[in-house]
C-alpha atoms as a PDB file:
ATOM      1  CA  MET A   1     176.127  75.948  12.590  1.00  0.00           C
ATOM      2  CA  THR A   2     173.758  76.884   9.779  1.00  0.00           C
ATOM      3  CA  LEU A   3     170.030  76.661  10.388  1.00  0.00           C
ATOM      4  CA  ARG A   4     167.632  75.982   7.631  1.00  0.00           C
ATOM      5  CA  LEU A   5     164.709  78.373   7.233  1.00  0.00           C
ATOM      6  CA  PRO A   6     162.070  76.147   8.925  1.00  0.00           C
ATOM      7  CA  ALA A   7     164.399  75.485  11.854  1.00  0.00           C
ATOM      8  CA  ALA A   8     165.234  79.192  12.196  1.00  0.00           C
ATOM      9  CA  ALA A   9     161.527  80.074  12.148  1.00  0.00           C
ATOM     10  CA  ALA A  10     160.827  77.475  14.826  1.00  0.00           C
ATOM     11  CA  LEU A  11     163.655  78.813  16.982  1.00  0.00           C
ATOM     12  CA  PHE A  12     162.338  82.386  16.584  1.00  0.00           C
ATOM     13  CA  ALA A  13     158.817  81.264  17.551  1.00  0.00           C
ATOM     14  CA  LEU A  14     160.202  79.469  20.609  1.00  0.00           C
ATOM     15  CA  ALA A  15     162.124  82.607  21.655  1.00  0.00           C
ATOM     16  CA  LEU A  16     158.943  84.688  21.402  1.00  0.00           C
ATOM     17  CA  ALA A  17     157.038  82.150  23.460  1.00  0.00           C
ATOM     18  CA  VAL A  18     159.466  82.269  26.381  1.00  0.00           C
ATOM     19  CA  LEU A  19     160.121  86.017  26.408  1.00  0.00           C
ATOM     20  CA  PRO A  20     158.026  87.973  28.922  1.00  0.00           C
ATOM     21  CA  ALA A  21     155.258  90.067  27.474  1.00  0.00           C
ATOM     22  CA  ALA A  22     156.237  93.661  26.816  1.00  0.00           C
ATOM     23  CA  ALA A  23     155.316  96.081  29.575  1.00  0.00           C
ATOM     24  CA  PRO A  24     152.395  98.353  28.736  1.00  0.00           C
ATOM     25  CA  ALA A  25     153.375 101.735  27.373  1.00  0.00           C
ATOM     26  CA  ARG A  26     153.669 104.490  29.976  1.00  0.00           C
ATOM     27  CA  SER A  27     151.099 107.215  29.933  1.00  0.00           C
ATOM     28  CA  ALA A  28     151.915 110.496  28.269  1.00  0.00           C
ATOM     29  CA  ALA A  29     154.444 112.784  29.903  1.00  0.00           C
ATOM     30  CA  ARG A  30     153.272 114.893  32.811  1.00  0.00           C
ATOM     31  CA  THR A  31     151.981 118.315  31.838  1.00  0.00           C
ATOM     32  CA  THR A  32     152.064 121.300  34.192  1.00  0.00           C
ATOM     33  CA  ILE A  33     150.921 124.770  33.106  1.00  0.00           C
ATOM     34  CA  PHE A  34     150.815 127.959  35.170  1.00  0.00           C
ATOM     35  CA  ILE A  35     148.181 130.599  34.412  1.00  0.00           C
ATOM     36  CA  GLN A  36     146.969 133.828  35.977  1.00  0.00           C
ATOM     37  CA  SER A  37     143.925 136.017  35.666  1.00  0.00           C
ATOM     38  CA  PRO A  38     144.259 139.314  33.774  1.00  0.00           C
ATOM     39  CA  SER A  39     144.019 141.112  37.151  1.00  0.00           C
ATOM     40  CA  HIS A  40     146.992 139.033  38.423  1.00  0.00           C
ATOM     41  CA  ASN A  41     145.107 138.422  41.693  1.00  0.00           C
ATOM     42  CA  ILE A  42     144.503 134.743  40.885  1.00  0.00           C
ATOM     43  CA  ALA A  43     147.149 132.263  39.763  1.00  0.00           C
ATOM     44  CA  CYS A  44     146.592 128.581  39.011  1.00  0.00           C
ATOM     45  CA  GLN A  45     148.675 125.512  38.367  1.00  0.00           C
ATOM     46  CA  LEU A  46     147.083 122.888  36.117  1.00  0.00           C
ATOM     47  CA  ASP A  47     148.717 119.488  36.317  1.00  0.00           C
ATOM     48  CA  SER A  48     147.825 116.394  34.295  1.00  0.00           C
ATOM     49  CA  ARG A  49     148.278 114.141  37.334  1.00  0.00           C
ATOM     50  CA  LEU A  50     147.177 116.325  40.249  1.00  0.00           C
ATOM     51  CA  GLY A  51     144.476 118.649  38.877  1.00  0.00           C
ATOM     52  CA  ALA A  52     144.195 122.405  39.439  1.00  0.00           C
ATOM     53  CA  LEU A  53     145.463 124.504  42.338  1.00  0.00           C
ATOM     54  CA  CYS A  54     144.486 128.189  42.423  1.00  0.00           C
ATOM     55  CA  THR A  55     145.681 130.945  44.739  1.00  0.00           C
ATOM     56  CA  VAL A  56     143.770 134.160  45.450  1.00  0.00           C
ATOM     57  CA  PHE A  57     146.552 136.478  46.577  1.00  0.00           C
ATOM     58  CA  SER A  58     144.306 139.107  48.192  1.00  0.00           C
ATOM     59  CA  LEU A  59     142.874 136.407  50.495  1.00  0.00           C
ATOM     60  CA  SER A  60     145.997 134.269  51.031  1.00  0.00           C
ATOM     61  CA  ARG A  61     143.798 131.235  50.329  1.00  0.00           C
ATOM     62  CA  GLN A  62     144.013 128.353  47.891  1.00  0.00           C
ATOM     63  CA  ALA A  63     141.679 125.743  46.435  1.00  0.00           C
ATOM     64  CA  SER A  64     142.316 122.556  44.535  1.00  0.00           C
ATOM     65  CA  VAL A  65     140.303 120.150  42.434  1.00  0.00           C
ATOM     66  CA  SER A  66     141.856 116.781  41.683  1.00  0.00           C
ATOM     67  CA  GLN A  67     141.741 114.907  38.382  1.00  0.00           C
ATOM     68  CA  ARG A  68     139.115 112.731  40.134  1.00  0.00           C
ATOM     69  CA  GLY A  69     136.955 115.659  41.305  1.00  0.00           C
ATOM     70  CA  LYS A  70     137.913 116.077  44.978  1.00  0.00           C
ATOM     71  CA  VAL A  71     137.695 119.750  46.000  1.00  0.00           C
ATOM     72  CA  ARG A  72     139.549 121.404  48.899  1.00  0.00           C
ATOM     73  CA  VAL A  73     139.869 125.016  50.123  1.00  0.00           C
ATOM     74  CA  PHE A  74     142.684 125.905  52.536  1.00  0.00           C
ATOM     75  CA  ALA A  75     145.098 128.582  53.756  1.00  0.00           C
ATOM     76  CA  GLN A  76     147.812 129.466  51.249  1.00  0.00           C
ATOM     77  CA  ASN A  77     150.799 127.192  51.777  1.00  0.00           C
ATOM     78  CA  SER A  78     152.658 127.598  48.469  1.00  0.00           C
ATOM     79  CA  ASN A  79     153.397 130.278  45.919  1.00  0.00           C
ATOM     80  CA  PRO A  80     153.153 130.051  42.141  1.00  0.00           C
ATOM     81  CA  PRO A  81     156.357 130.714  40.211  1.00  0.00           C
ATOM     82  CA  SER A  82     157.214 134.302  39.427  1.00  0.00           C
ATOM     83  CA  GLY A  83     158.105 133.559  35.797  1.00  0.00           C
ATOM     84  CA  GLY A  84     156.619 131.490  33.006  1.00  0.00           C
ATOM     85  CA  VAL A  85     153.039 132.237  34.015  1.00  0.00           C
ATOM     86  CA  ARG A  86     150.744 132.997  31.116  1.00  0.00           C
ATOM     87  CA  THR A  87     147.652 135.173  31.357  1.00  0.00           C
ATOM     88  CA  LEU A  88     144.366 133.436  30.621  1.00  0.00           C
ATOM     89  CA  HIS A  89     142.199 136.204  29.190  1.00  0.00           C
ATOM     90  CA  TYR A  90     138.568 136.586  30.220  1.00  0.00           C
ATOM     91  CA  GLY A  91     136.289 134.104  28.483  1.00  0.00           C
ATOM     92  CA  LYS A  92     139.167 131.727  27.619  1.00  0.00           C
ATOM     93  CA  SER A  93     139.598 128.188  28.963  1.00  0.00           C
ATOM     94  CA  LEU A  94     142.487 125.812  29.372  1.00  0.00           C
ATOM     95  CA  ARG A  95     142.146 122.072  29.898  1.00  0.00           C
ATOM     96  CA  VAL A  96     144.776 119.689  31.235  1.00  0.00           C
ATOM     97  CA  GLY A  97     143.669 116.095  31.719  1.00  0.00           C
ATOM     98  CA  HIS A  98     140.158 116.054  33.163  1.00  0.00           C
ATOM     99  CA  VAL A  99     140.391 119.560  34.665  1.00  0.00           C
ATOM    100  CA  ARG A 100     139.394 122.765  32.889  1.00  0.00           C
ATOM    101  CA  CYS A 101     139.842 126.337  34.143  1.00  0.00           C
ATOM    102  CA  THR A 102     137.987 129.272  32.616  1.00  0.00           C
ATOM    103  CA  SER A 103     138.818 132.911  33.263  1.00  0.00           C
ATOM    104  CA  HIS A 104     135.858 135.221  33.967  1.00  0.00           C
ATOM    105  CA  ARG A 105     135.742 138.864  34.991  1.00  0.00           C
ATOM    106  CA  THR A 106     134.303 137.645  38.305  1.00  0.00           C
ATOM    107  CA  GLY A 107     137.007 135.012  38.931  1.00  0.00           C
ATOM    108  CA  MET A 108     138.574 131.761  37.792  1.00  0.00           C
ATOM    109  CA  ARG A 109     136.343 128.691  37.507  1.00  0.00           C
ATOM    110  CA  CYS A 110     138.049 125.288  37.649  1.00  0.00           C
ATOM    111  CA  ILE A 111     136.097 122.061  37.302  1.00  0.00           C
ATOM    112  CA  GLN A 112     136.733 118.370  36.858  1.00  0.00           C
ATOM    113  CA  LEU A 113     135.091 116.898  33.790  1.00  0.00           C
ATOM    114  CA  PRO A 114     132.673 115.167  33.533  1.00  0.00           C
ATOM    115  CA  SER A 115     131.533 115.448  37.191  1.00  0.00           C
ATOM    116  CA  GLY A 116     131.424 119.252  37.214  1.00  0.00           C
ATOM    117  CA  HIS A 117     132.941 119.310  40.720  1.00  0.00           C
ATOM    118  CA  GLY A 118     135.173 122.288  41.295  1.00  0.00           C
ATOM    119  CA  TYR A 119     135.215 125.879  42.444  1.00  0.00           C
ATOM    120  CA  ILE A 120     135.102 129.520  41.479  1.00  0.00           C
ATOM    121  CA  ALA A 121     138.028 131.486  42.884  1.00  0.00           C
ATOM    122  CA  SER A 122     137.370 135.217  43.205  1.00  0.00           C
ATOM    123  CA  ARG A 123     138.378 138.317  45.121  1.00  0.00           C
ATOM    124  CA  SER A 124     135.498 137.621  47.544  1.00  0.00           C
ATOM    125  CA  GLY A 125     136.411 133.969  48.226  1.00  0.00           C
ATOM    126  CA  PHE A 126     135.808 130.466  46.941  1.00  0.00           C
ATOM    127  CA  GLU A 127     132.529 128.927  45.922  1.00  0.00           C
ATOM    128  CA  THR A 128     132.685 125.139  45.693  1.00  0.00           C
ATOM    129  CA  ARG A 129     130.455 122.916  43.574  1.00  0.00           C
END
């Protein structure tokens, strides 16, 4: 059977009309980065879906700030990986999703943008905001 051009165009239009709409594109791939302070006393995991989780080894305590700005401080219940952790030098920042961590000589500050909710992790403890 040979279709003429107008008939073929009509058939193509009909096929498009009955096909389900394409699913929306998935969000970008998940990003997870591990960082540590130059002193190696603080290590953090920044995740594009979860937020930031920092461990202060000398205190055996952790804090997290979610991509939505929820802040928690708790006893250490996980360990960062021993390899593949990059040092975030003092004064430098790293942002993943809506969470940014900045390394300071006094500790690691992680906040959710734009709310500003977060914490400062230091040798003396956690200060939440």
